[in-house]
Protein backbone atom coordinates (compact mmCIF):
# COMPACT_ATOMS: atom_id res chain seq x y z
CA MET A 1 -15.31 -16.17 123.01
CA VAL A 2 -13.10 -13.34 122.01
CA ASP A 3 -14.55 -10.53 120.25
CA LEU A 4 -11.84 -9.66 117.81
CA PRO A 5 -11.92 -6.16 115.33
CA TRP A 6 -11.54 -8.29 111.73
CA ARG A 7 -14.41 -10.09 112.63
CA ASP A 8 -18.64 -9.28 112.16
CA SER A 9 -19.31 -11.37 114.57
CA GLU A 10 -21.44 -7.91 116.66
CA GLU A 11 -25.02 -7.42 115.77
CA GLY A 12 -25.03 -4.03 113.79
CA ASN A 13 -22.05 -4.05 112.11
CA GLU A 14 -23.72 -5.24 108.35
CA VAL A 15 -24.57 -2.65 106.84
CA GLU A 16 -28.11 -2.80 104.31
CA PRO A 17 -27.19 -4.14 101.35
CA GLU A 18 -29.56 -1.47 100.06
CA ARG A 19 -27.99 1.32 101.59
CA HIS A 20 -25.27 1.61 98.93
CA ALA A 21 -27.26 0.17 95.80
CA ASP A 22 -26.03 3.20 93.61
CA ALA A 23 -22.26 3.11 95.06
CA VAL A 24 -19.41 2.68 92.30
CA VAL A 25 -17.88 0.28 94.62
CA VAL A 26 -18.42 -0.56 98.56
CA CYS A 27 -15.93 -2.41 100.60
CA GLU A 28 -16.54 -3.79 103.70
CA PHE A 29 -13.37 -2.90 106.13
CA GLN A 30 -11.99 -3.69 110.06
CA ASP A 31 -13.58 -0.09 111.18
CA GLY A 32 -16.15 0.56 108.25
CA THR A 33 -17.25 0.78 105.06
CA VAL A 34 -16.14 2.42 102.25
CA ALA A 35 -18.91 3.46 99.42
CA VAL A 36 -18.13 5.27 96.49
CA TYR A 37 -20.23 6.95 94.43
CA ASP A 38 -19.72 9.58 91.13
CA GLU A 39 -20.48 12.84 93.38
CA GLU A 40 -19.10 11.59 96.99
CA VAL A 41 -17.58 9.32 99.46
CA VAL A 42 -19.00 7.86 101.84
CA ILE A 43 -17.97 5.93 105.16
CA ASP A 44 -19.97 4.13 107.40
CA ARG A 45 -17.96 3.09 110.39
CA VAL A 46 -18.34 0.18 113.27
CA PRO A 47 -20.15 0.88 116.71
CA ARG A 48 -16.49 0.02 118.58
CA SER A 49 -15.24 2.93 116.38
CA ARG A 50 -14.25 6.16 117.47
CA PHE A 51 -14.57 8.19 114.43
CA VAL A 52 -18.79 8.97 113.19
CA ASP A 53 -19.94 8.13 110.41
CA THR A 54 -18.48 10.70 107.10
CA THR A 55 -19.37 11.90 103.54
CA ILE A 56 -16.82 13.67 101.93
CA PRO A 57 -17.57 15.28 98.23
CA ALA A 58 -16.15 14.44 95.56
CA PRO A 59 -14.56 18.13 95.04
CA GLU A 60 -12.55 18.05 98.26
CA ILE A 61 -10.99 14.94 97.94
CA THR A 62 -7.30 15.44 97.26
CA GLY A 63 -6.20 11.59 96.93
CA VAL A 64 -5.71 8.47 98.59
CA ASP A 65 -3.20 7.82 100.39
CA TYR A 66 -3.01 3.46 100.24
CA SER A 67 -0.75 0.63 101.69
CA GLU A 68 -0.78 -2.94 101.64
CA GLY A 69 1.20 -3.54 104.89
CA ILE A 70 1.90 -7.02 105.91
CA THR A 71 -1.10 -8.47 107.71
CA VAL A 72 -3.46 -4.87 107.31
CA GLY A 73 -3.35 -2.13 105.12
CA TYR A 74 -5.19 1.23 105.10
CA LEU A 75 -6.74 3.71 103.39
CA GLN A 76 -6.69 7.16 103.90
CA ILE A 77 -8.61 9.71 101.86
CA GLU A 78 -7.64 12.96 101.73
CA GLN A 79 -9.55 15.92 102.09
CA ALA A 80 -9.73 19.81 101.96
CA GLY A 81 -8.83 21.49 105.73
CA VAL A 82 -8.70 17.34 107.55
CA GLU A 83 -4.71 16.95 108.11
CA ALA A 84 -3.52 13.61 106.99
CA ASP A 85 -1.95 12.01 109.93
CA ARG A 86 1.16 9.69 108.27
CA GLY A 87 1.77 7.06 111.41
CA GLY A 88 5.00 6.03 112.41
CA LEU A 89 7.08 4.13 111.99
CA PHE A 90 5.63 0.30 113.64
CA SER A 91 1.96 2.33 113.30
CA ASP A 92 -0.51 2.87 110.40
CA PRO A 93 -2.27 6.81 110.25
CA VAL A 94 -5.60 6.86 111.94
CA ASN A 95 -8.07 9.74 111.25
CA ARG A 96 -11.95 10.06 110.60
CA ASN A 97 -10.84 9.59 106.85
CA THR A 98 -8.59 6.17 107.77
CA LEU A 99 -9.88 2.70 106.65
CA HIS A 100 -7.58 -0.33 107.54
CA PHE A 101 -8.71 -3.53 106.24
CA GLY A 102 -7.05 -7.43 105.80
CA ARG A 103 -4.85 -9.56 103.33
CA GLY A 104 -8.09 -10.43 102.21
CA ASP A 105 -9.65 -7.16 101.63
CA ARG A 106 -6.90 -5.85 99.31
CA ASP A 107 -8.24 -6.36 95.47
CA CYS A 108 -11.42 -4.60 96.90
CA ALA A 109 -9.32 -1.73 98.83
CA ARG A 110 -7.77 -1.49 95.94
CA THR A 111 -10.80 -1.00 93.51
CA ALA A 112 -12.30 1.71 95.84
CA ARG A 113 -8.87 3.53 95.65
CA ASP A 114 -9.36 3.27 92.00
CA ALA A 115 -12.48 4.78 92.22
CA ILE A 116 -12.08 7.49 94.76
CA LEU A 117 -9.11 8.71 92.36
CA GLU A 118 -11.17 8.88 89.58
CA ARG A 119 -13.66 11.59 91.27
CA ALA A 120 -11.19 13.36 92.72
CA ARG A 121 -11.56 16.88 92.23
CA GLY A 122 -9.36 18.57 94.36
């Protein structure tokens, strides 16, 4: 069977439910999970990601770049001191604060975006 990046067939891709029990919003996306807390945002990466898990303190969040895309959308958390990637004509941005999601995850992505923006202080 082909291991496609949007399938959760690989062991270890699932986030322990109790790990983010206190989070306001938790969304599992193609390349990781975003958990929004009152004072920080946590990104847990899937094993195949080239980025490591990241915790972003709320005071460092300056905004969110969000696009639903045609088939794959993205949520990029803008952080003070981290250069935002803008992508290209046919590519989405990619940096340590970017997560990609399919059409089925758009509602959760919107909810996460709104929750992050409510907590942004930068």
